[in-house]
């Protein structure tokens, strides 16, 4: 069977490394030029779906006969979207607000065959629960500068991991994307990554 051109519509190092982790090494990275509009008047499920689908559409329209993988995630806490902290104090205040609480990571993924326009996509919602966070822990963490470029003011794969009590649902969908579902979607599109 002819090998298809596979495109990851993201420059994320984690997503790239996860594809390699599941034996898929023959793929291209083409970042979408779609400008995200986080002010769209829709609920968070529709918002993340719109962002993900517009990213793949931007890449897919210039790549015939390819399979495009796209994914987007937003985080909701107390019904508000989370952004990167504006400054040190903003990071401290944000992290303090997590103590004993949960935030929701909302993701939408899509795998599209641009030859047939067959699309496989789905939505996932994961909960991250925090333990009681001490002020000194938060300040020590913020002083590492790690949270300053993180949309949620923390990195789940980095130092902050020790302050999380539990993750409910697919951990990989928070880190980058759910590798098991990507594998099954590619398989449905006749791409067997175990032989790629």
Protein backbone atom coordinates (compact mmCIF):
# COMPACT_ATOMS: atom_id res chain seq x y z
CA UNK A 1 0.00 0.00 0.00
CA UNK A 2 1.31 3.48 -0.89
CA UNK A 3 2.47 5.50 2.07
CA UNK A 4 0.51 8.70 2.58
CA UNK A 5 1.96 12.09 3.37
CA UNK A 6 1.18 12.83 7.02
CA UNK A 7 1.20 16.38 8.36
CA UNK A 8 1.15 17.52 11.97
CA UNK A 9 -0.47 20.96 11.98
CA UNK A 10 1.46 22.08 15.03
CA UNK A 11 5.02 23.05 15.96
CA UNK A 12 4.56 21.62 19.47
CA UNK A 13 7.61 19.61 20.51
CA UNK A 14 5.46 17.40 22.75
CA UNK A 15 3.09 16.48 19.94
CA UNK A 16 6.00 15.79 17.63
CA UNK A 17 7.67 13.59 20.23
CA UNK A 18 4.46 11.72 20.99
CA UNK A 19 4.02 10.83 17.32
CA UNK A 20 7.57 9.50 17.31
CA UNK A 21 6.81 7.62 20.53
CA UNK A 22 4.10 5.65 18.72
CA UNK A 23 6.54 4.79 15.91
CA UNK A 24 5.37 7.44 13.45
CA UNK A 25 8.55 9.17 12.26
CA UNK A 26 7.73 9.88 8.62
CA UNK A 27 5.68 13.05 8.93
CA UNK A 28 5.96 16.77 8.19
CA UNK A 29 5.31 19.67 10.52
CA UNK A 30 3.39 22.56 9.00
CA UNK A 31 2.22 25.17 11.46
CA UNK A 32 -1.16 26.74 10.81
CA UNK A 33 -1.33 30.49 10.17
CA UNK A 34 -4.87 30.64 11.51
CA UNK A 35 -5.21 33.45 14.05
CA UNK A 36 -7.09 32.23 17.09
CA UNK A 37 -10.09 34.25 18.15
CA UNK A 38 -10.71 33.48 21.81
CA UNK A 39 -13.59 35.96 21.93
CA UNK A 40 -15.94 33.94 19.76
CA UNK A 41 -19.46 33.97 21.17
CA UNK A 42 -19.86 30.26 21.82
CA UNK A 43 -19.40 27.85 24.69
CA UNK A 44 -15.99 26.35 25.38
CA UNK A 45 -16.73 23.10 23.54
CA UNK A 46 -17.66 24.93 20.37
CA UNK A 47 -14.71 27.29 20.79
CA UNK A 48 -12.07 24.57 20.97
CA UNK A 49 -13.72 22.74 18.07
CA UNK A 50 -13.66 25.90 15.96
CA UNK A 51 -9.99 26.54 16.77
CA UNK A 52 -8.92 22.97 15.96
CA UNK A 53 -10.89 22.71 12.72
CA UNK A 54 -9.76 26.08 11.42
CA UNK A 55 -6.15 25.13 12.07
CA UNK A 56 -6.40 21.94 10.02
CA UNK A 57 -8.36 23.69 7.28
CA UNK A 58 -5.63 26.30 6.93
CA UNK A 59 -3.01 23.56 6.47
CA UNK A 60 -5.19 21.14 4.50
CA UNK A 61 -6.21 23.61 1.78
CA UNK A 62 -2.60 23.79 0.55
CA UNK A 63 -1.81 20.08 0.84
CA UNK A 64 -3.69 17.72 -1.45
CA UNK A 65 -3.63 13.98 -0.83
CA UNK A 66 -2.28 14.26 2.68
CA UNK A 67 -3.47 13.25 6.11
CA UNK A 68 -3.52 16.19 8.49
CA UNK A 69 -3.50 15.84 12.28
CA UNK A 70 -4.77 18.82 14.22
CA UNK A 71 -5.47 19.34 17.90
CA UNK A 72 -6.32 22.20 20.21
CA UNK A 73 -6.78 22.51 23.95
CA UNK A 74 -8.15 25.24 26.17
CA UNK A 75 -8.38 25.28 29.94
CA UNK A 76 -11.43 26.38 31.88
CA UNK A 77 -11.35 27.27 35.57
CA UNK A 78 -14.47 28.46 37.35
CA UNK A 79 -16.04 29.05 33.91
CA UNK A 80 -13.23 31.31 32.72
CA UNK A 81 -10.55 30.65 30.10
CA UNK A 82 -7.00 30.66 31.40
CA UNK A 83 -4.21 32.67 29.78
CA UNK A 84 -0.50 33.13 30.35
CA UNK A 85 0.19 35.18 33.48
CA UNK A 86 0.72 38.90 32.97
CA UNK A 87 3.41 39.09 35.62
CA UNK A 88 4.80 37.37 38.72
CA UNK A 89 1.92 38.39 40.98
CA UNK A 90 -0.68 37.28 38.45
CA UNK A 91 0.97 33.83 38.35
CA UNK A 92 0.99 33.63 42.15
CA UNK A 93 -2.68 34.66 42.41
CA UNK A 94 -3.73 32.20 39.69
CA UNK A 95 -1.91 29.29 41.31
CA UNK A 96 -3.30 30.14 44.75
CA UNK A 97 -6.81 29.97 43.35
CA UNK A 98 -6.26 26.31 42.34
CA UNK A 99 -5.85 25.04 45.91
CA UNK A 100 -8.29 22.18 46.65
CA UNK A 101 -10.03 22.81 43.33
CA UNK A 102 -10.30 21.38 39.81
CA UNK A 103 -9.74 22.85 36.40
CA UNK A 104 -10.99 21.41 33.12
CA UNK A 105 -8.80 20.86 30.07
CA UNK A 106 -11.03 20.81 27.00
CA UNK A 107 -9.63 19.40 23.76
CA UNK A 108 -10.76 18.75 20.22
CA UNK A 109 -8.80 16.60 17.80
CA UNK A 110 -9.19 16.01 14.06
CA UNK A 111 -7.51 13.70 11.55
CA UNK A 112 -8.44 14.54 7.96
CA UNK A 113 -7.67 12.87 4.66
CA UNK A 114 -7.44 15.77 2.18
CA UNK A 115 -7.80 13.38 -0.74
CA UNK A 116 -11.24 12.12 0.27
CA UNK A 117 -12.07 14.72 2.95
CA UNK A 118 -12.94 11.93 5.35
CA UNK A 119 -12.67 13.44 8.80
CA UNK A 120 -12.34 11.71 12.15
CA UNK A 121 -12.67 14.00 15.14
CA UNK A 122 -13.80 14.06 18.73
CA UNK A 123 -13.95 16.09 21.90
CA UNK A 124 -12.43 15.28 25.27
CA UNK A 125 -12.71 16.85 28.68
CA UNK A 126 -10.20 16.12 31.43
CA UNK A 127 -10.16 17.25 35.04
CA UNK A 128 -7.03 18.18 36.95
CA UNK A 129 -7.45 18.20 40.71
CA UNK A 130 -5.05 20.04 43.01
CA UNK A 131 -4.14 19.32 46.58
CA UNK A 132 -3.89 21.99 49.26
CA UNK A 133 -1.25 24.38 47.93
CA UNK A 134 1.01 26.17 50.38
CA UNK A 135 2.00 29.77 49.75
CA UNK A 136 5.70 28.97 50.01
CA UNK A 137 5.36 26.18 47.42
CA UNK A 138 3.65 28.54 45.00
CA UNK A 139 6.21 31.30 45.47
CA UNK A 140 9.12 28.87 45.11
CA UNK A 141 7.56 27.53 41.92
CA UNK A 142 6.89 30.97 40.41
CA UNK A 143 10.49 31.95 41.22
CA UNK A 144 11.68 29.20 38.84
CA UNK A 145 10.10 31.30 36.03
CA UNK A 146 8.52 28.12 34.67
CA UNK A 147 4.90 29.36 34.83
CA UNK A 148 5.53 32.64 33.04
CA UNK A 149 5.13 31.21 29.52
CA UNK A 150 2.44 28.66 30.40
CA UNK A 151 -1.19 29.31 29.50
CA UNK A 152 -2.38 27.80 32.78
CA UNK A 153 0.49 29.25 34.83
CA UNK A 154 1.95 25.77 35.24
CA UNK A 155 3.45 22.91 33.26
CA UNK A 156 1.93 19.52 33.97
CA UNK A 157 5.07 17.76 32.72
CA UNK A 158 7.42 19.88 34.80
CA UNK A 159 7.92 20.87 38.45
CA UNK A 160 4.25 21.62 39.07
CA UNK A 161 3.40 17.94 38.61
CA UNK A 162 4.20 17.31 42.30
CA UNK A 163 1.37 19.62 43.37
CA UNK A 164 -1.36 17.86 41.40
CA UNK A 165 -3.49 15.38 43.30
CA UNK A 166 -5.07 13.57 40.35
CA UNK A 167 -5.91 13.66 36.65
CA UNK A 168 -9.29 12.32 35.57
CA UNK A 169 -9.38 10.90 32.03
CA UNK A 170 -6.65 10.62 29.39
CA UNK A 171 -3.41 12.15 30.64
CA UNK A 172 -1.94 12.30 27.13
CA UNK A 173 -4.78 14.50 25.90
CA UNK A 174 -3.64 17.15 28.38
CA UNK A 175 0.04 16.80 27.58
CA UNK A 176 -0.42 16.91 23.79
CA UNK A 177 -3.05 14.58 22.33
CA UNK A 178 -4.38 11.07 23.04
CA UNK A 179 -1.97 8.75 21.28
CA UNK A 180 -4.35 5.79 21.36
CA UNK A 181 -7.08 7.68 19.52
CA UNK A 182 -4.64 9.15 16.99
CA UNK A 183 -3.43 5.62 16.30
CA UNK A 184 -6.99 4.31 15.78
CA UNK A 185 -7.93 7.26 13.57
CA UNK A 186 -4.90 6.74 11.34
CA UNK A 187 -5.69 3.05 11.18
CA UNK A 188 -9.23 3.88 10.04
CA UNK A 189 -7.67 5.96 7.26
CA UNK A 190 -5.56 2.94 6.21
CA UNK A 191 -2.36 4.14 7.84
CA UNK A 192 -0.75 1.39 9.87
CA UNK A 193 1.94 3.21 11.84
CA UNK A 194 3.37 -0.10 13.04
CA UNK A 195 4.50 -0.68 9.44
CA UNK A 196 5.15 2.92 8.45
